[in-house]
Amino acid sequence: MKTSIEKACHIAGGQTSLARMLGVSPQAVQQWVARGKPPSGRCIPIENAVEMEITRFDLRPDIFGNSFQGSATGRHAIKLRKFSAFSEFCD
């Protein structure tokens, strides 16, 4: 079974493509794949690079938990979070 970082690499078109998108070396991405997870600080950029098909929650549930808003997952959860953050400024 593929890890979430492997899935993100596949979506991006390979480790080298993901590395290019993130501005890191291909060797850095290869190390993440070997470890089975990226550094927590790279999760949101990866999430953006793969257009949220793989989320920070998929990549590092040990840091970010399983999802936002209870049962909401993936893109929907991110949209909920962005909306919630925006609506706080509108009150």
PDB file of N, CA and C in Angstrom:
ATOM      1  N   MET A   1       0.835  -1.180   0.000  1.00  0.00           N
ATOM      2  CA  MET A   1       0.000   0.000   0.000  1.00  0.00           C
ATOM      3  C   MET A   1       0.886   1.252   0.000  1.00  0.00           C
ATOM      4  N   LYS A   2       0.519   2.207  -0.826  1.00  0.00           N
ATOM      5  CA  LYS A   2       1.299   3.432  -0.937  1.00  0.00           C
ATOM      6  C   LYS A   2       1.058   4.347   0.261  1.00  0.00           C
ATOM      7  N   THR A   3       2.129   5.028   0.671  1.00  0.00           N
ATOM      8  CA  THR A   3       1.983   6.049   1.705  1.00  0.00           C
ATOM      9  C   THR A   3       1.421   7.318   1.059  1.00  0.00           C
ATOM     10  N   SER A   4       0.991   8.240   1.877  1.00  0.00           N
ATOM     11  CA  SER A   4       0.431   9.491   1.361  1.00  0.00           C
ATOM     12  C   SER A   4       1.471  10.304   0.595  1.00  0.00           C
ATOM     13  N   ILE A   5       2.721  10.269   1.031  1.00  0.00           N
ATOM     14  CA  ILE A   5       3.756  11.013   0.307  1.00  0.00           C
ATOM     15  C   ILE A   5       4.018  10.358  -1.051  1.00  0.00           C
ATOM     16  N   GLU A   6       3.935   9.044  -1.117  1.00  0.00           N
ATOM     17  CA  GLU A   6       4.075   8.365  -2.412  1.00  0.00           C
ATOM     18  C   GLU A   6       2.912   8.733  -3.338  1.00  0.00           C
ATOM     19  N   LYS A   7       1.717   8.803  -2.780  1.00  0.00           N
ATOM     20  CA  LYS A   7       0.553   9.198  -3.574  1.00  0.00           C
ATOM     21  C   LYS A   7       0.715  10.631  -4.078  1.00  0.00           C
ATOM     22  N   ALA A   8       1.207  11.517  -3.227  1.00  0.00           N
ATOM     23  CA  ALA A   8       1.431  12.911  -3.630  1.00  0.00           C
ATOM     24  C   ALA A   8       2.451  12.986  -4.760  1.00  0.00           C
ATOM     25  N   CYS A   9       3.506  12.192  -4.672  1.00  0.00           N
ATOM     26  CA  CYS A   9       4.508  12.147  -5.746  1.00  0.00           C
ATOM     27  C   CYS A   9       3.872  11.680  -7.044  1.00  0.00           C
ATOM     28  N   HIS A  10       3.054  10.666  -6.963  1.00  0.00           N
ATOM     29  CA  HIS A  10       2.379  10.137  -8.157  1.00  0.00           C
ATOM     30  C   HIS A  10       1.486  11.212  -8.787  1.00  0.00           C
ATOM     31  N   ILE A  11       0.708  11.891  -7.976  1.00  0.00           N
ATOM     32  CA  ILE A  11      -0.188  12.947  -8.472  1.00  0.00           C
ATOM     33  C   ILE A  11       0.617  14.066  -9.125  1.00  0.00           C
ATOM     34  N   ALA A  12       1.758  14.404  -8.529  1.00  0.00           N
ATOM     35  CA  ALA A  12       2.597  15.493  -9.035  1.00  0.00           C
ATOM     36  C   ALA A  12       3.360  15.112 -10.300  1.00  0.00           C
ATOM     37  N   GLY A  13       3.413  13.824 -10.601  1.00  0.00           N
ATOM     38  CA  GLY A  13       4.152  13.380 -11.780  1.00  0.00           C
ATOM     39  C   GLY A  13       5.523  12.805 -11.463  1.00  0.00           C
ATOM     40  N   GLY A  14       5.727  12.468 -10.204  1.00  0.00           N
ATOM     41  CA  GLY A  14       6.985  11.857  -9.785  1.00  0.00           C
ATOM     42  C   GLY A  14       7.685  12.683  -8.715  1.00  0.00           C
ATOM     43  N   GLN A  15       8.695  12.077  -8.122  1.00  0.00           N
ATOM     44  CA  GLN A  15       9.435  12.737  -7.048  1.00  0.00           C
ATOM     45  C   GLN A  15      10.128  14.001  -7.534  1.00  0.00           C
ATOM     46  N   THR A  16      10.713  13.942  -8.734  1.00  0.00           N
ATOM     47  CA  THR A  16      11.417  15.106  -9.271  1.00  0.00           C
ATOM     48  C   THR A  16      10.455  16.252  -9.537  1.00  0.00           C
ATOM     49  N   SER A  17       9.281  15.941 -10.068  1.00  0.00           N
ATOM     50  CA  SER A  17       8.281  16.983 -10.316  1.00  0.00           C
ATOM     51  C   SER A  17       7.818  17.623  -9.015  1.00  0.00           C
ATOM     52  N   LEU A  18       7.550  16.806  -8.013  1.00  0.00           N
ATOM     53  CA  LEU A  18       7.128  17.349  -6.727  1.00  0.00           C
ATOM     54  C   LEU A  18       8.233  18.218  -6.139  1.00  0.00           C
ATOM     55  N   ALA A  19       9.455  17.757  -6.224  1.00  0.00           N
ATOM     56  CA  ALA A  19      10.591  18.531  -5.719  1.00  0.00           C
ATOM     57  C   ALA A  19      10.663  19.892  -6.406  1.00  0.00           C
ATOM     58  N   ARG A  20      10.506  19.895  -7.706  1.00  0.00           N
ATOM     59  CA  ARG A  20      10.541  21.144  -8.471  1.00  0.00           C
ATOM     60  C   ARG A  20       9.421  22.088  -8.026  1.00  0.00           C
ATOM     61  N   MET A  21       8.225  21.541  -7.833  1.00  0.00           N
ATOM     62  CA  MET A  21       7.079  22.350  -7.399  1.00  0.00           C
ATOM     63  C   MET A  21       7.328  22.994  -6.035  1.00  0.00           C
ATOM     64  N   LEU A  22       8.055  22.289  -5.186  1.00  0.00           N
ATOM     65  CA  LEU A  22       8.276  22.747  -3.819  1.00  0.00           C
ATOM     66  C   LEU A  22       9.574  23.534  -3.651  1.00  0.00           C
ATOM     67  N   GLY A  23      10.420  23.519  -4.683  1.00  0.00           N
ATOM     68  CA  GLY A  23      11.691  24.211  -4.586  1.00  0.00           C
ATOM     69  C   GLY A  23      12.699  23.512  -3.689  1.00  0.00           C
ATOM     70  N   VAL A  24      12.621  22.183  -3.668  1.00  0.00           N
ATOM     71  CA  VAL A  24      13.574  21.381  -2.888  1.00  0.00           C
ATOM     72  C   VAL A  24      14.268  20.412  -3.830  1.00  0.00           C
ATOM     73  N   SER A  25      15.285  19.755  -3.342  1.00  0.00           N
ATOM     74  CA  SER A  25      16.005  18.794  -4.179  1.00  0.00           C
ATOM     75  C   SER A  25      15.208  17.492  -4.305  1.00  0.00           C
ATOM     76  N   PRO A  26      15.392  16.782  -5.412  1.00  0.00           N
ATOM     77  CA  PRO A  26      14.763  15.466  -5.533  1.00  0.00           C
ATOM     78  C   PRO A  26      15.206  14.516  -4.420  1.00  0.00           C
ATOM     79  N   GLN A  27      16.433  14.700  -3.942  1.00  0.00           N
ATOM     80  CA  GLN A  27      16.935  13.851  -2.860  1.00  0.00           C
ATOM     81  C   GLN A  27      16.140  14.075  -1.573  1.00  0.00           C
ATOM     82  N   ALA A  28      15.713  15.315  -1.342  1.00  0.00           N
ATOM     83  CA  ALA A  28      14.904  15.597  -0.146  1.00  0.00           C
ATOM     84  C   ALA A  28      13.587  14.837  -0.224  1.00  0.00           C
ATOM     85  N   VAL A  29      12.943  14.891  -1.378  1.00  0.00           N
ATOM     86  CA  VAL A  29      11.673  14.176  -1.544  1.00  0.00           C
ATOM     87  C   VAL A  29      11.893  12.674  -1.402  1.00  0.00           C
ATOM     88  N   GLN A  30      12.985  12.172  -1.962  1.00  0.00           N
ATOM     89  CA  GLN A  30      13.297  10.743  -1.849  1.00  0.00           C
ATOM     90  C   GLN A  30      13.449  10.339  -0.388  1.00  0.00           C
ATOM     91  N   GLN A  31      14.056  11.207   0.418  1.00  0.00           N
ATOM     92  CA  GLN A  31      14.200  10.911   1.856  1.00  0.00           C
ATOM     93  C   GLN A  31      12.839  10.870   2.544  1.00  0.00           C
ATOM     94  N   TRP A  32      11.945  11.768   2.150  1.00  0.00           N
ATOM     95  CA  TRP A  32      10.602  11.762   2.737  1.00  0.00           C
ATOM     96  C   TRP A  32       9.880  10.467   2.411  1.00  0.00           C
ATOM     97  N   VAL A  33      10.043  10.037   1.152  1.00  0.00           N
ATOM     98  CA  VAL A  33       9.406   8.784   0.717  1.00  0.00           C
ATOM     99  C   VAL A  33       9.994   7.616   1.505  1.00  0.00           C
ATOM    100  N   ALA A  34      11.313   7.615   1.674  1.00  0.00           N
ATOM    101  CA  ALA A  34      11.970   6.532   2.425  1.00  0.00           C
ATOM    102  C   ALA A  34      11.485   6.497   3.873  1.00  0.00           C
ATOM    103  N   ARG A  35      11.248   7.659   4.473  1.00  0.00           N
ATOM    104  CA  ARG A  35      10.759   7.736   5.856  1.00  0.00           C
ATOM    105  C   ARG A  35       9.259   7.490   5.941  1.00  0.00           C
ATOM    106  N   GLY A  36       8.571   7.687   4.818  1.00  0.00           N
ATOM    107  CA  GLY A  36       7.128   7.486   4.801  1.00  0.00           C
ATOM    108  C   GLY A  36       6.326   8.727   5.127  1.00  0.00           C
ATOM    109  N   LYS A  37       7.004   9.860   5.337  1.00  0.00           N
ATOM    110  CA  LYS A  37       6.305  11.108   5.651  1.00  0.00           C
ATOM    111  C   LYS A  37       7.245  12.293   5.435  1.00  0.00           C
ATOM    112  N   PRO A  38       6.662  13.424   5.049  1.00  0.00           N
ATOM    113  CA  PRO A  38       7.467  14.633   4.897  1.00  0.00           C
ATOM    114  C   PRO A  38       7.593  15.367   6.228  1.00  0.00           C
ATOM    115  N   PRO A  39       8.493  16.337   6.311  1.00  0.00           N
ATOM    116  CA  PRO A  39       8.521  17.186   7.508  1.00  0.00           C
ATOM    117  C   PRO A  39       7.188  17.941   7.630  1.00  0.00           C
ATOM    118  N   SER A  40       6.765  18.208   8.830  1.00  0.00           N
ATOM    119  CA  SER A  40       5.461  18.846   9.021  1.00  0.00           C
ATOM    120  C   SER A  40       5.377  20.197   8.318  1.00  0.00           C
ATOM    121  N   GLY A  41       6.472  20.924   8.237  1.00  0.00           N
ATOM    122  CA  GLY A  41       6.476  22.225   7.588  1.00  0.00           C
ATOM    123  C   GLY A  41       6.297  22.169   6.079  1.00  0.00           C
ATOM    124  N   ARG A  42       6.410  20.997   5.497  1.00  0.00           N
ATOM    125  CA  ARG A  42       6.234  20.840   4.047  1.00  0.00           C
ATOM    126  C   ARG A  42       4.845  20.343   3.677  1.00  0.00           C
ATOM    127  N   CYS A  43       4.036  20.011   4.654  1.00  0.00           N
ATOM    128  CA  CYS A  43       2.725  19.413   4.361  1.00  0.00           C
ATOM    129  C   CYS A  43       1.778  20.347   3.623  1.00  0.00           C
ATOM    130  N   ILE A  44       1.682  21.590   4.054  1.00  0.00           N
ATOM    131  CA  ILE A  44       0.767  22.522   3.390  1.00  0.00           C
ATOM    132  C   ILE A  44       1.249  22.838   1.976  1.00  0.00           C
ATOM    133  N   PRO A  45       2.557  23.090   1.751  1.00  0.00           N
ATOM    134  CA  PRO A  45       2.998  23.266   0.369  1.00  0.00           C
ATOM    135  C   PRO A  45       2.735  22.034  -0.515  1.00  0.00           C
ATOM    136  N   ILE A  46       2.884  20.844   0.028  1.00  0.00           N
ATOM    137  CA  ILE A  46       2.574  19.628  -0.737  1.00  0.00           C
ATOM    138  C   ILE A  46       1.085  19.588  -1.048  1.00  0.00           C
ATOM    139  N   GLU A  47       0.279  19.866  -0.052  1.00  0.00           N
ATOM    140  CA  GLU A  47      -1.173  19.905  -0.222  1.00  0.00           C
ATOM    141  C   GLU A  47      -1.550  20.849  -1.369  1.00  0.00           C
ATOM    142  N   ASN A  48      -0.927  22.021  -1.404  1.00  0.00           N
ATOM    143  CA  ASN A  48      -1.203  22.986  -2.471  1.00  0.00           C
ATOM    144  C   ASN A  48      -0.677  22.510  -3.820  1.00  0.00           C
ATOM    145  N   ALA A  49       0.499  21.889  -3.826  1.00  0.00           N
ATOM    146  CA  ALA A  49       1.102  21.422  -5.077  1.00  0.00           C
ATOM    147  C   ALA A  49       0.241  20.365  -5.760  1.00  0.00           C
ATOM    148  N   VAL A  50      -0.419  19.540  -4.980  1.00  0.00           N
ATOM    149  CA  VAL A  50      -1.257  18.479  -5.563  1.00  0.00           C
ATOM    150  C   VAL A  50      -2.737  18.867  -5.533  1.00  0.00           C
ATOM    151  N   GLU A  51      -2.982  20.164  -5.412  1.00  0.00           N
ATOM    152  CA  GLU A  51      -4.336  20.711  -5.446  1.00  0.00           C
ATOM    153  C   GLU A  51      -5.282  20.017  -4.474  1.00  0.00           C
ATOM    154  N   MET A  52      -4.761  19.737  -3.288  1.00  0.00           N
ATOM    155  CA  MET A  52      -5.515  19.175  -2.168  1.00  0.00           C
ATOM    156  C   MET A  52      -6.067  17.773  -2.416  1.00  0.00           C
ATOM    157  N   GLU A  53      -5.519  17.079  -3.401  1.00  0.00           N
ATOM    158  CA  GLU A  53      -5.919  15.668  -3.566  1.00  0.00           C
ATOM    159  C   GLU A  53      -5.353  14.830  -2.427  1.00  0.00           C
ATOM    160  N   ILE A  54      -4.222  15.263  -1.886  1.00  0.00           N
ATOM    161  CA  ILE A  54      -3.639  14.703  -0.666  1.00  0.00           C
ATOM    162  C   ILE A  54      -3.527  15.884   0.284  1.00  0.00           C
ATOM    163  N   THR A  55      -4.024  15.728   1.498  1.00  0.00           N
ATOM    164  CA  THR A  55      -4.031  16.842   2.442  1.00  0.00           C
ATOM    165  C   THR A  55      -2.980  16.664   3.528  1.00  0.00           C
ATOM    166  N   ARG A  56      -2.786  17.731   4.286  1.00  0.00           N
ATOM    167  CA  ARG A  56      -1.875  17.680   5.439  1.00  0.00           C
ATOM    168  C   ARG A  56      -2.308  16.595   6.419  1.00  0.00           C
ATOM    169  N   PHE A  57      -3.612  16.325   6.477  1.00  0.00           N
ATOM    170  CA  PHE A  57      -4.134  15.305   7.387  1.00  0.00           C
ATOM    171  C   PHE A  57      -3.736  13.913   6.923  1.00  0.00           C
ATOM    172  N   ASP A  58      -3.693  13.725   5.599  1.00  0.00           N
ATOM    173  CA  ASP A  58      -3.234  12.452   5.040  1.00  0.00           C
ATOM    174  C   ASP A  58      -1.739  12.287   5.267  1.00  0.00           C
ATOM    175  N   LEU A  59      -0.996  13.375   5.056  1.00  0.00           N
ATOM    176  CA  LEU A  59       0.464  13.320   5.123  1.00  0.00           C
ATOM    177  C   LEU A  59       0.986  13.152   6.543  1.00  0.00           C
ATOM    178  N   ARG A  60       0.401  13.880   7.494  1.00  0.00           N
ATOM    179  CA  ARG A  60       0.890  13.835   8.878  1.00  0.00           C
ATOM    180  C   ARG A  60      -0.248  13.866   9.885  1.00  0.00           C
ATOM    181  N   PRO A  61      -1.031  12.787   9.966  1.00  0.00           N
ATOM    182  CA  PRO A  61      -2.108  12.764  10.962  1.00  0.00           C
ATOM    183  C   PRO A  61      -1.581  12.854  12.394  1.00  0.00           C
ATOM    184  N   ASP A  62      -0.313  12.498  12.597  1.00  0.00           N
ATOM    185  CA  ASP A  62       0.281  12.601  13.930  1.00  0.00           C
ATOM    186  C   ASP A  62       0.443  14.058  14.368  1.00  0.00           C
ATOM    187  N   ILE A  63       0.512  14.968  13.413  1.00  0.00           N
ATOM    188  CA  ILE A  63       0.664  16.393  13.715  1.00  0.00           C
ATOM    189  C   ILE A  63      -0.672  17.129  13.574  1.00  0.00           C
ATOM    190  N   PHE A  64      -1.365  16.888  12.457  1.00  0.00           N
ATOM    191  CA  PHE A  64      -2.561  17.659  12.111  1.00  0.00           C
ATOM    192  C   PHE A  64      -3.872  16.973  12.480  1.00  0.00           C
ATOM    193  N   GLY A  65      -3.829  15.749  12.954  1.00  0.00           N
ATOM    194  CA  GLY A  65      -5.050  15.017  13.239  1.00  0.00           C
ATOM    195  C   GLY A  65      -5.585  14.381  11.961  1.00  0.00           C
ATOM    196  N   ASN A  66      -6.801  13.890  12.014  1.00  0.00           N
ATOM    197  CA  ASN A  66      -7.363  13.186  10.867  1.00  0.00           C
ATOM    198  C   ASN A  66      -8.109  14.087   9.910  1.00  0.00           C
ATOM    199  N   SER A  67      -8.754  15.148  10.388  1.00  0.00           N
ATOM    200  CA  SER A  67      -9.431  16.082   9.498  1.00  0.00           C
ATOM    201  C   SER A  67      -9.989  17.240  10.306  1.00  0.00           C
ATOM    202  N   PHE A  68     -10.409  18.291   9.591  1.00  0.00           N
ATOM    203  CA  PHE A  68     -11.129  19.410  10.197  1.00  0.00           C
ATOM    204  C   PHE A  68     -12.593  19.054  10.335  1.00  0.00           C
ATOM    205  N   GLN A  69     -13.277  19.703  11.229  1.00  0.00           N
ATOM    206  CA  GLN A  69     -14.734  19.679  11.317  1.00  0.00           C
ATOM    207  C   GLN A  69     -15.323  18.273  11.435  1.00  0.00           C
ATOM    208  N   GLY A  70     -14.718  17.426  12.196  1.00  0.00           N
ATOM    209  CA  GLY A  70     -15.281  16.093  12.420  1.00  0.00           C
ATOM    210  C   GLY A  70     -15.299  15.235  11.186  1.00  0.00           C
ATOM    211  N   SER A  71     -16.442  15.075  10.538  1.00  0.00           N
ATOM    212  CA  SER A  71     -16.564  14.145   9.429  1.00  0.00           C
ATOM    213  C   SER A  71     -16.114  14.730   8.089  1.00  0.00           C
ATOM    214  N   ALA A  72     -15.886  16.039   8.012  1.00  0.00           N
ATOM    215  CA  ALA A  72     -15.437  16.631   6.754  1.00  0.00           C
ATOM    216  C   ALA A  72     -14.000  16.209   6.482  1.00  0.00           C
ATOM    217  N   THR A  73     -13.723  15.817   5.249  1.00  0.00           N
ATOM    218  CA  THR A  73     -12.376  15.391   4.899  1.00  0.00           C
ATOM    219  C   THR A  73     -11.940  16.033   3.599  1.00  0.00           C
ATOM    220  N   GLY A  74     -10.649  15.953   3.351  1.00  0.00           N
ATOM    221  CA  GLY A  74     -10.077  16.379   2.084  1.00  0.00           C
ATOM    222  C   GLY A  74     -10.377  17.818   1.721  1.00  0.00           C
ATOM    223  N   ARG A  75     -10.672  18.042   0.457  1.00  0.00           N
ATOM    224  CA  ARG A  75     -10.907  19.383  -0.056  1.00  0.00           C
ATOM    225  C   ARG A  75     -12.035  20.089   0.682  1.00  0.00           C
ATOM    226  N   HIS A  76     -13.094  19.351   0.987  1.00  0.00           N
ATOM    227  CA  HIS A  76     -14.235  19.950   1.667  1.00  0.00           C
ATOM    228  C   HIS A  76     -13.807  20.517   3.022  1.00  0.00           C
ATOM    229  N   ALA A  77     -12.972  19.791   3.729  1.00  0.00           N
ATOM    230  CA  ALA A  77     -12.521  20.252   5.036  1.00  0.00           C
ATOM    231  C   ALA A  77     -11.708  21.534   4.910  1.00  0.00           C
ATOM    232  N   ILE A  78     -10.848  21.611   3.909  1.00  0.00           N
ATOM    233  CA  ILE A  78     -10.038  22.804   3.718  1.00  0.00           C
ATOM    234  C   ILE A  78     -10.932  23.991   3.378  1.00  0.00           C
ATOM    235  N   LYS A  79     -11.917  23.764   2.513  1.00  0.00           N
ATOM    236  CA  LYS A  79     -12.839  24.836   2.162  1.00  0.00           C
ATOM    237  C   LYS A  79     -13.604  25.309   3.393  1.00  0.00           C
ATOM    238  N   LEU A  80     -14.017  24.377   4.243  1.00  0.00           N
ATOM    239  CA  LEU A  80     -14.705  24.755   5.476  1.00  0.00           C
ATOM    240  C   LEU A  80     -13.807  25.612   6.353  1.00  0.00           C
ATOM    241  N   ARG A  81     -12.550  25.219   6.458  1.00  0.00           N
ATOM    242  CA  ARG A  81     -11.618  25.974   7.293  1.00  0.00           C
ATOM    243  C   ARG A  81     -11.419  27.373   6.740  1.00  0.00           C
ATOM    244  N   LYS A  82     -11.214  27.483   5.424  1.00  0.00           N
ATOM    245  CA  LYS A  82     -11.013  28.798   4.819  1.00  0.00           C
ATOM    246  C   LYS A  82     -12.255  29.661   5.016  1.00  0.00           C
ATOM    247  N   PHE A  83     -13.424  29.089   4.833  1.00  0.00           N
ATOM    248  CA  PHE A  83     -14.667  29.831   5.021  1.00  0.00           C
ATOM    249  C   PHE A  83     -14.800  30.269   6.470  1.00  0.00           C
ATOM    250  N   SER A  84     -14.502  29.369   7.399  1.00  0.00           N
ATOM    251  CA  SER A  84     -14.617  29.691   8.820  1.00  0.00           C
ATOM    252  C   SER A  84     -13.670  30.821   9.192  1.00  0.00           C
ATOM    253  N   ALA A  85     -12.453  30.758   8.691  1.00  0.00           N
ATOM    254  CA  ALA A  85     -11.483  31.806   8.982  1.00  0.00           C
ATOM    255  C   ALA A  85     -11.935  33.132   8.411  1.00  0.00           C
ATOM    256  N   PHE A  86     -12.476  33.117   7.204  1.00  0.00           N
ATOM    257  CA  PHE A  86     -12.977  34.336   6.562  1.00  0.00           C
ATOM    258  C   PHE A  86     -14.169  34.904   7.317  1.00  0.00           C
ATOM    259  N   SER A  87     -15.090  34.041   7.686  1.00  0.00           N
ATOM    260  CA  SER A  87     -16.319  34.518   8.329  1.00  0.00           C
ATOM    261  C   SER A  87     -16.031  35.130   9.698  1.00  0.00           C
ATOM    262  N   GLU A  88     -14.952  34.725  10.357  1.00  0.00           N
ATOM    263  CA  GLU A  88     -14.596  35.317  11.643  1.00  0.00           C
ATOM    264  C   GLU A  88     -14.305  36.808  11.491  1.00  0.00           C
ATOM    265  N   PHE A  89     -13.734  37.189  10.339  1.00  0.00           N
ATOM    266  CA  PHE A  89     -13.409  38.589  10.103  1.00  0.00           C
ATOM    267  C   PHE A  89     -14.635  39.396   9.715  1.00  0.00           C
ATOM    268  N   CYS A  90     -15.674  38.744   9.311  1.00  0.00           N
ATOM    269  CA  CYS A  90     -16.891  39.428   8.857  1.00  0.00           C
ATOM    270  C   CYS A  90     -17.875  39.693   9.975  1.00  0.00           C
ATOM    271  N   ASP A  91     -17.669  39.072  11.122  1.00  0.00           N
ATOM    272  CA  ASP A  91     -18.615  39.243  12.241  1.00  0.00           C
ATOM    273  C   ASP A  91     -18.466  40.587  12.907  1.00  0.00           C
TER     274      ASP A  91
END
